[in-house]
């Protein structure tokens, strides 16, 4: 039985915000050179129209942090 439902963008916009977001996450601002950002934009285009360059950067950062934790 598949309990997952495909949500529309409008349904997601009206959804409940994660009450633990502030406790579990820290927002940061990082400057990225235009040339480097273009690389992430190209990868995002390859991955589909719903994926942004910021999504790709976030995934890379999460993967790298995981790798560092495993090697401590």
PDB file of N, CA and C in Angstrom:
ATOM      1  N   UNK A   1       0.842  -1.170   0.000  1.00  0.00           N
ATOM      2  CA  UNK A   1       0.000   0.000   0.000  1.00  0.00           C
ATOM      3  C   UNK A   1       0.896   1.244   0.000  1.00  0.00           C
ATOM      4  N   UNK A   2       0.644   2.156  -0.894  1.00  0.00           N
ATOM      5  CA  UNK A   2       1.420   3.390  -0.994  1.00  0.00           C
ATOM      6  C   UNK A   2       0.716   4.482  -0.204  1.00  0.00           C
ATOM      7  N   UNK A   3       1.343   4.914   0.884  1.00  0.00           N
ATOM      8  CA  UNK A   3       0.751   5.951   1.727  1.00  0.00           C
ATOM      9  C   UNK A   3       1.180   7.353   1.298  1.00  0.00           C
ATOM     10  N   UNK A   4       2.163   7.433   0.423  1.00  0.00           N
ATOM     11  CA  UNK A   4       2.637   8.732  -0.038  1.00  0.00           C
ATOM     12  C   UNK A   4       1.694   9.283  -1.099  1.00  0.00           C
ATOM     13  N   UNK A   5       1.388  10.559  -0.993  1.00  0.00           N
ATOM     14  CA  UNK A   5       0.508  11.215  -1.947  1.00  0.00           C
ATOM     15  C   UNK A   5       1.324  12.247  -2.709  1.00  0.00           C
ATOM     16  N   UNK A   6       1.092  12.380  -3.988  1.00  0.00           N
ATOM     17  CA  UNK A   6       1.730  13.441  -4.755  1.00  0.00           C
ATOM     18  C   UNK A   6       0.968  14.730  -4.490  1.00  0.00           C
ATOM     19  N   UNK A   7       1.677  15.706  -3.930  1.00  0.00           N
ATOM     20  CA  UNK A   7       1.052  16.978  -3.594  1.00  0.00           C
ATOM     21  C   UNK A   7       1.308  17.983  -4.704  1.00  0.00           C
ATOM     22  N   UNK A   8       0.335  18.844  -4.938  1.00  0.00           N
ATOM     23  CA  UNK A   8       0.533  19.931  -5.883  1.00  0.00           C
ATOM     24  C   UNK A   8       1.297  21.045  -5.181  1.00  0.00           C
ATOM     25  N   UNK A   9       1.870  21.937  -5.962  1.00  0.00           N
ATOM     26  CA  UNK A   9       2.609  23.066  -5.398  1.00  0.00           C
ATOM     27  C   UNK A   9       1.690  23.918  -4.536  1.00  0.00           C
ATOM     28  N   UNK A  10       0.460  24.091  -4.959  1.00  0.00           N
ATOM     29  CA  UNK A  10      -0.504  24.890  -4.196  1.00  0.00           C
ATOM     30  C   UNK A  10      -0.802  24.241  -2.842  1.00  0.00           C
ATOM     31  N   UNK A  11      -0.937  22.924  -2.808  1.00  0.00           N
ATOM     32  CA  UNK A  11      -1.165  22.223  -1.543  1.00  0.00           C
ATOM     33  C   UNK A  11       0.024  22.374  -0.608  1.00  0.00           C
ATOM     34  N   UNK A  12       1.230  22.309  -1.162  1.00  0.00           N
ATOM     35  CA  UNK A  12       2.429  22.454  -0.334  1.00  0.00           C
ATOM     36  C   UNK A  12       2.555  23.868   0.232  1.00  0.00           C
ATOM     37  N   UNK A  13       2.175  24.866  -0.555  1.00  0.00           N
ATOM     38  CA  UNK A  13       2.229  26.250  -0.078  1.00  0.00           C
ATOM     39  C   UNK A  13       1.295  26.461   1.107  1.00  0.00           C
ATOM     40  N   UNK A  14       0.172  25.766   1.120  1.00  0.00           N
ATOM     41  CA  UNK A  14      -0.813  25.917   2.182  1.00  0.00           C
ATOM     42  C   UNK A  14      -0.578  24.965   3.355  1.00  0.00           C
ATOM     43  N   UNK A  15       0.476  24.161   3.289  1.00  0.00           N
ATOM     44  CA  UNK A  15       0.744  23.164   4.321  1.00  0.00           C
ATOM     45  C   UNK A  15       1.241  23.775   5.622  1.00  0.00           C
ATOM     46  N   UNK A  16       1.332  22.945   6.625  1.00  0.00           N
ATOM     47  CA  UNK A  16       1.801  23.359   7.940  1.00  0.00           C
ATOM     48  C   UNK A  16       3.324  23.453   7.917  1.00  0.00           C
ATOM     49  N   UNK A  17       3.849  24.562   8.430  1.00  0.00           N
ATOM     50  CA  UNK A  17       5.301  24.740   8.501  1.00  0.00           C
ATOM     51  C   UNK A  17       5.863  23.820   9.572  1.00  0.00           C
ATOM     52  N   UNK A  18       7.094  23.374   9.392  1.00  0.00           N
ATOM     53  CA  UNK A  18       7.759  22.504  10.355  1.00  0.00           C
ATOM     54  C   UNK A  18       8.028  23.292  11.640  1.00  0.00           C
ATOM     55  N   UNK A  19       7.409  22.908  12.763  1.00  0.00           N
ATOM     56  CA  UNK A  19       7.610  23.667  14.002  1.00  0.00           C
ATOM     57  C   UNK A  19       9.021  23.511  14.575  1.00  0.00           C
ATOM     58  N   UNK A  20       9.778  22.534  14.119  1.00  0.00           N
ATOM     59  CA  UNK A  20      11.124  22.299  14.640  1.00  0.00           C
ATOM     60  C   UNK A  20      12.205  22.876  13.738  1.00  0.00           C
ATOM     61  N   UNK A  21      11.811  23.583  12.690  1.00  0.00           N
ATOM     62  CA  UNK A  21      12.779  24.086  11.714  1.00  0.00           C
ATOM     63  C   UNK A  21      13.862  24.930  12.389  1.00  0.00           C
ATOM     64  N   UNK A  22      13.466  25.864  13.235  1.00  0.00           N
ATOM     65  CA  UNK A  22      14.426  26.759  13.880  1.00  0.00           C
ATOM     66  C   UNK A  22      15.345  25.991  14.818  1.00  0.00           C
ATOM     67  N   UNK A  23      14.813  24.978  15.507  1.00  0.00           N
ATOM     68  CA  UNK A  23      15.628  24.198  16.440  1.00  0.00           C
ATOM     69  C   UNK A  23      16.592  23.258  15.714  1.00  0.00           C
ATOM     70  N   UNK A  24      16.217  22.788  14.534  1.00  0.00           N
ATOM     71  CA  UNK A  24      17.012  21.790  13.822  1.00  0.00           C
ATOM     72  C   UNK A  24      17.920  22.367  12.744  1.00  0.00           C
ATOM     73  N   UNK A  25      17.686  23.601  12.342  1.00  0.00           N
ATOM     74  CA  UNK A  25      18.425  24.176  11.226  1.00  0.00           C
ATOM     75  C   UNK A  25      18.949  25.560  11.563  1.00  0.00           C
ATOM     76  N   UNK A  26      20.011  25.932  10.887  1.00  0.00           N
ATOM     77  CA  UNK A  26      20.557  27.282  10.999  1.00  0.00           C
ATOM     78  C   UNK A  26      20.711  27.822   9.585  1.00  0.00           C
ATOM     79  N   UNK A  27      20.103  28.951   9.331  1.00  0.00           N
ATOM     80  CA  UNK A  27      20.228  29.558   8.016  1.00  0.00           C
ATOM     81  C   UNK A  27      21.504  30.382   7.973  1.00  0.00           C
ATOM     82  N   UNK A  28      22.230  30.248   6.883  1.00  0.00           N
ATOM     83  CA  UNK A  28      23.475  30.989   6.689  1.00  0.00           C
ATOM     84  C   UNK A  28      23.469  31.624   5.303  1.00  0.00           C
ATOM     85  N   UNK A  29      24.275  32.649   5.165  1.00  0.00           N
ATOM     86  CA  UNK A  29      24.428  33.316   3.886  1.00  0.00           C
ATOM     87  C   UNK A  29      25.873  33.148   3.450  1.00  0.00           C
ATOM     88  N   UNK A  30      26.062  32.580   2.264  1.00  0.00           N
ATOM     89  CA  UNK A  30      27.401  32.317   1.746  1.00  0.00           C
ATOM     90  C   UNK A  30      27.528  32.970   0.376  1.00  0.00           C
ATOM     91  N   UNK A  31      28.598  33.711   0.186  1.00  0.00           N
ATOM     92  CA  UNK A  31      28.860  34.310  -1.127  1.00  0.00           C
ATOM     93  C   UNK A  31      29.519  33.271  -2.027  1.00  0.00           C
ATOM     94  N   UNK A  32      29.036  33.185  -3.260  1.00  0.00           N
ATOM     95  CA  UNK A  32      29.557  32.224  -4.222  1.00  0.00           C
ATOM     96  C   UNK A  32      29.888  32.988  -5.504  1.00  0.00           C
ATOM     97  N   UNK A  33      31.080  32.733  -6.042  1.00  0.00           N
ATOM     98  CA  UNK A  33      31.462  33.390  -7.294  1.00  0.00           C
ATOM     99  C   UNK A  33      30.489  33.011  -8.403  1.00  0.00           C
ATOM    100  N   UNK A  34      30.291  33.914  -9.334  1.00  0.00           N
ATOM    101  CA  UNK A  34      29.362  33.669 -10.444  1.00  0.00           C
ATOM    102  C   UNK A  34      29.742  32.416 -11.235  1.00  0.00           C
ATOM    103  N   UNK A  35      31.037  32.204 -11.433  1.00  0.00           N
ATOM    104  CA  UNK A  35      31.491  31.041 -12.196  1.00  0.00           C
ATOM    105  C   UNK A  35      31.127  29.747 -11.470  1.00  0.00           C
ATOM    106  N   UNK A  36      31.293  29.735 -10.138  1.00  0.00           N
ATOM    107  CA  UNK A  36      30.953  28.535  -9.357  1.00  0.00           C
ATOM    108  C   UNK A  36      29.449  28.307  -9.344  1.00  0.00           C
ATOM    109  N   UNK A  37      28.684  29.386  -9.210  1.00  0.00           N
ATOM    110  CA  UNK A  37      27.224  29.269  -9.196  1.00  0.00           C
ATOM    111  C   UNK A  37      26.726  28.707 -10.523  1.00  0.00           C
ATOM    112  N   UNK A  38      27.369  29.106 -11.621  1.00  0.00           N
ATOM    113  CA  UNK A  38      26.975  28.620 -12.943  1.00  0.00           C
ATOM    114  C   UNK A  38      27.122  27.105 -13.042  1.00  0.00           C
ATOM    115  N   UNK A  39      28.147  26.554 -12.386  1.00  0.00           N
ATOM    116  CA  UNK A  39      28.334  25.100 -12.381  1.00  0.00           C
ATOM    117  C   UNK A  39      27.137  24.430 -11.714  1.00  0.00           C
ATOM    118  N   UNK A  40      26.712  24.963 -10.568  1.00  0.00           N
ATOM    119  CA  UNK A  40      25.562  24.393  -9.858  1.00  0.00           C
ATOM    120  C   UNK A  40      24.272  24.569 -10.661  1.00  0.00           C
ATOM    121  N   UNK A  41      24.148  25.677 -11.378  1.00  0.00           N
ATOM    122  CA  UNK A  41      22.974  25.871 -12.233  1.00  0.00           C
ATOM    123  C   UNK A  41      22.923  24.831 -13.341  1.00  0.00           C
ATOM    124  N   UNK A  42      24.078  24.533 -13.921  1.00  0.00           N
ATOM    125  CA  UNK A  42      24.128  23.511 -14.978  1.00  0.00           C
ATOM    126  C   UNK A  42      23.714  22.145 -14.440  1.00  0.00           C
ATOM    127  N   UNK A  43      24.201  21.797 -13.254  1.00  0.00           N
ATOM    128  CA  UNK A  43      23.839  20.511 -12.646  1.00  0.00           C
ATOM    129  C   UNK A  43      22.343  20.490 -12.332  1.00  0.00           C
ATOM    130  N   UNK A  44      21.810  21.607 -11.855  1.00  0.00           N
ATOM    131  CA  UNK A  44      20.382  21.682 -11.546  1.00  0.00           C
ATOM    132  C   UNK A  44      19.541  21.471 -12.805  1.00  0.00           C
ATOM    133  N   UNK A  45      19.956  22.044 -13.920  1.00  0.00           N
ATOM    134  CA  UNK A  45      19.221  21.869 -15.183  1.00  0.00           C
ATOM    135  C   UNK A  45      19.204  20.404 -15.602  1.00  0.00           C
ATOM    136  N   UNK A  46      20.322  19.723 -15.374  1.00  0.00           N
ATOM    137  CA  UNK A  46      20.404  18.303 -15.714  1.00  0.00           C
ATOM    138  C   UNK A  46      19.436  17.489 -14.866  1.00  0.00           C
ATOM    139  N   UNK A  47      19.252  17.902 -13.594  1.00  0.00           N
ATOM    140  CA  UNK A  47      18.424  17.153 -12.649  1.00  0.00           C
ATOM    141  C   UNK A  47      16.936  17.454 -12.750  1.00  0.00           C
ATOM    142  N   UNK A  48      16.533  18.410 -13.534  1.00  0.00           N
ATOM    143  CA  UNK A  48      15.112  18.662 -13.721  1.00  0.00           C
ATOM    144  C   UNK A  48      14.728  20.078 -13.376  1.00  0.00           C
ATOM    145  N   UNK A  49      13.541  20.455 -13.820  1.00  0.00           N
ATOM    146  CA  UNK A  49      13.109  21.841 -13.677  1.00  0.00           C
ATOM    147  C   UNK A  49      12.747  22.227 -12.248  1.00  0.00           C
ATOM    148  N   UNK A  50      12.464  21.275 -11.387  1.00  0.00           N
ATOM    149  CA  UNK A  50      12.098  21.603 -10.004  1.00  0.00           C
ATOM    150  C   UNK A  50      13.307  21.752  -9.089  1.00  0.00           C
ATOM    151  N   UNK A  51      14.480  21.445  -9.587  1.00  0.00           N
ATOM    152  CA  UNK A  51      15.702  21.501  -8.786  1.00  0.00           C
ATOM    153  C   UNK A  51      16.413  22.821  -9.063  1.00  0.00           C
ATOM    154  N   UNK A  52      16.813  23.521  -7.994  1.00  0.00           N
ATOM    155  CA  UNK A  52      17.521  24.791  -8.141  1.00  0.00           C
ATOM    156  C   UNK A  52      19.002  24.602  -7.829  1.00  0.00           C
ATOM    157  N   UNK A  53      19.785  25.591  -8.183  1.00  0.00           N
ATOM    158  CA  UNK A  53      21.215  25.564  -7.864  1.00  0.00           C
ATOM    159  C   UNK A  53      21.409  25.497  -6.352  1.00  0.00           C
ATOM    160  N   UNK A  54      20.560  26.183  -5.604  1.00  0.00           N
ATOM    161  CA  UNK A  54      20.648  26.151  -4.146  1.00  0.00           C
ATOM    162  C   UNK A  54      20.377  24.754  -3.596  1.00  0.00           C
ATOM    163  N   UNK A  55      19.454  24.030  -4.219  1.00  0.00           N
ATOM    164  CA  UNK A  55      19.186  22.644  -3.814  1.00  0.00           C
ATOM    165  C   UNK A  55      20.433  21.779  -3.976  1.00  0.00           C
ATOM    166  N   UNK A  56      21.112  21.942  -5.102  1.00  0.00           N
ATOM    167  CA  UNK A  56      22.318  21.160  -5.369  1.00  0.00           C
ATOM    168  C   UNK A  56      23.414  21.516  -4.366  1.00  0.00           C
ATOM    169  N   UNK A  57      23.595  22.800  -4.102  1.00  0.00           N
ATOM    170  CA  UNK A  57      24.608  23.222  -3.126  1.00  0.00           C
ATOM    171  C   UNK A  57      24.301  22.661  -1.745  1.00  0.00           C
ATOM    172  N   UNK A  58      23.031  22.688  -1.371  1.00  0.00           N
ATOM    173  CA  UNK A  58      22.619  22.169  -0.064  1.00  0.00           C
ATOM    174  C   UNK A  58      22.923  20.681   0.041  1.00  0.00           C
ATOM    175  N   UNK A  59      22.617  19.928  -1.021  1.00  0.00           N
ATOM    176  CA  UNK A  59      22.903  18.487  -1.020  1.00  0.00           C
ATOM    177  C   UNK A  59      24.395  18.216  -0.901  1.00  0.00           C
ATOM    178  N   UNK A  60      25.200  18.993  -1.612  1.00  0.00           N
ATOM    179  CA  UNK A  60      26.660  18.827  -1.547  1.00  0.00           C
ATOM    180  C   UNK A  60      27.161  19.094  -0.134  1.00  0.00           C
ATOM    181  N   UNK A  61      26.664  20.135   0.487  1.00  0.00           N
ATOM    182  CA  UNK A  61      27.088  20.477   1.841  1.00  0.00           C
ATOM    183  C   UNK A  61      26.680  19.390   2.835  1.00  0.00           C
ATOM    184  N   UNK A  62      25.477  18.881   2.712  1.00  0.00           N
ATOM    185  CA  UNK A  62      25.000  17.817   3.598  1.00  0.00           C
ATOM    186  C   UNK A  62      25.833  16.553   3.415  1.00  0.00           C
ATOM    187  N   UNK A  63      26.106  16.191   2.157  1.00  0.00           N
ATOM    188  CA  UNK A  63      26.932  15.001   1.892  1.00  0.00           C
ATOM    189  C   UNK A  63      28.340  15.158   2.448  1.00  0.00           C
ATOM    190  N   UNK A  64      28.916  16.342   2.303  1.00  0.00           N
ATOM    191  CA  UNK A  64      30.274  16.567   2.792  1.00  0.00           C
ATOM    192  C   UNK A  64      30.304  16.534   4.321  1.00  0.00           C
ATOM    193  N   UNK A  65      29.311  17.130   4.966  1.00  0.00           N
ATOM    194  CA  UNK A  65      29.249  17.096   6.428  1.00  0.00           C
ATOM    195  C   UNK A  65      29.115  15.654   6.923  1.00  0.00           C
ATOM    196  N   UNK A  66      28.320  14.853   6.235  1.00  0.00           N
ATOM    197  CA  UNK A  66      28.163  13.438   6.594  1.00  0.00           C
ATOM    198  C   UNK A  66      29.492  12.701   6.468  1.00  0.00           C
ATOM    199  N   UNK A  67      30.221  12.973   5.383  1.00  0.00           N
ATOM    200  CA  UNK A  67      31.500  12.342   5.169  1.00  0.00           C
ATOM    201  C   UNK A  67      32.490  12.730   6.288  1.00  0.00           C
ATOM    202  N   UNK A  68      32.494  13.987   6.665  1.00  0.00           N
ATOM    203  CA  UNK A  68      33.391  14.440   7.743  1.00  0.00           C
ATOM    204  C   UNK A  68      33.053  13.775   9.076  1.00  0.00           C
ATOM    205  N   UNK A  69      31.751  13.637   9.369  1.00  0.00           N
ATOM    206  CA  UNK A  69      31.339  12.978  10.616  1.00  0.00           C
ATOM    207  C   UNK A  69      31.782  11.522  10.637  1.00  0.00           C
ATOM    208  N   UNK A  70      31.702  10.851   9.512  1.00  0.00           N
ATOM    209  CA  UNK A  70      32.086   9.440   9.425  1.00  0.00           C
ATOM    210  C   UNK A  70      33.589   9.253   9.612  1.00  0.00           C
ATOM    211  N   UNK A  71      34.391  10.254   9.293  1.00  0.00           N
ATOM    212  CA  UNK A  71      35.848  10.139   9.377  1.00  0.00           C
ATOM    213  C   UNK A  71      36.421  10.739  10.661  1.00  0.00           C
ATOM    214  N   UNK A  72      35.570  11.130  11.593  1.00  0.00           N
ATOM    215  CA  UNK A  72      36.080  11.699  12.850  1.00  0.00           C
ATOM    216  C   UNK A  72      36.620  10.625  13.743  1.00  0.00           C
TER     217      UNK A  72
END
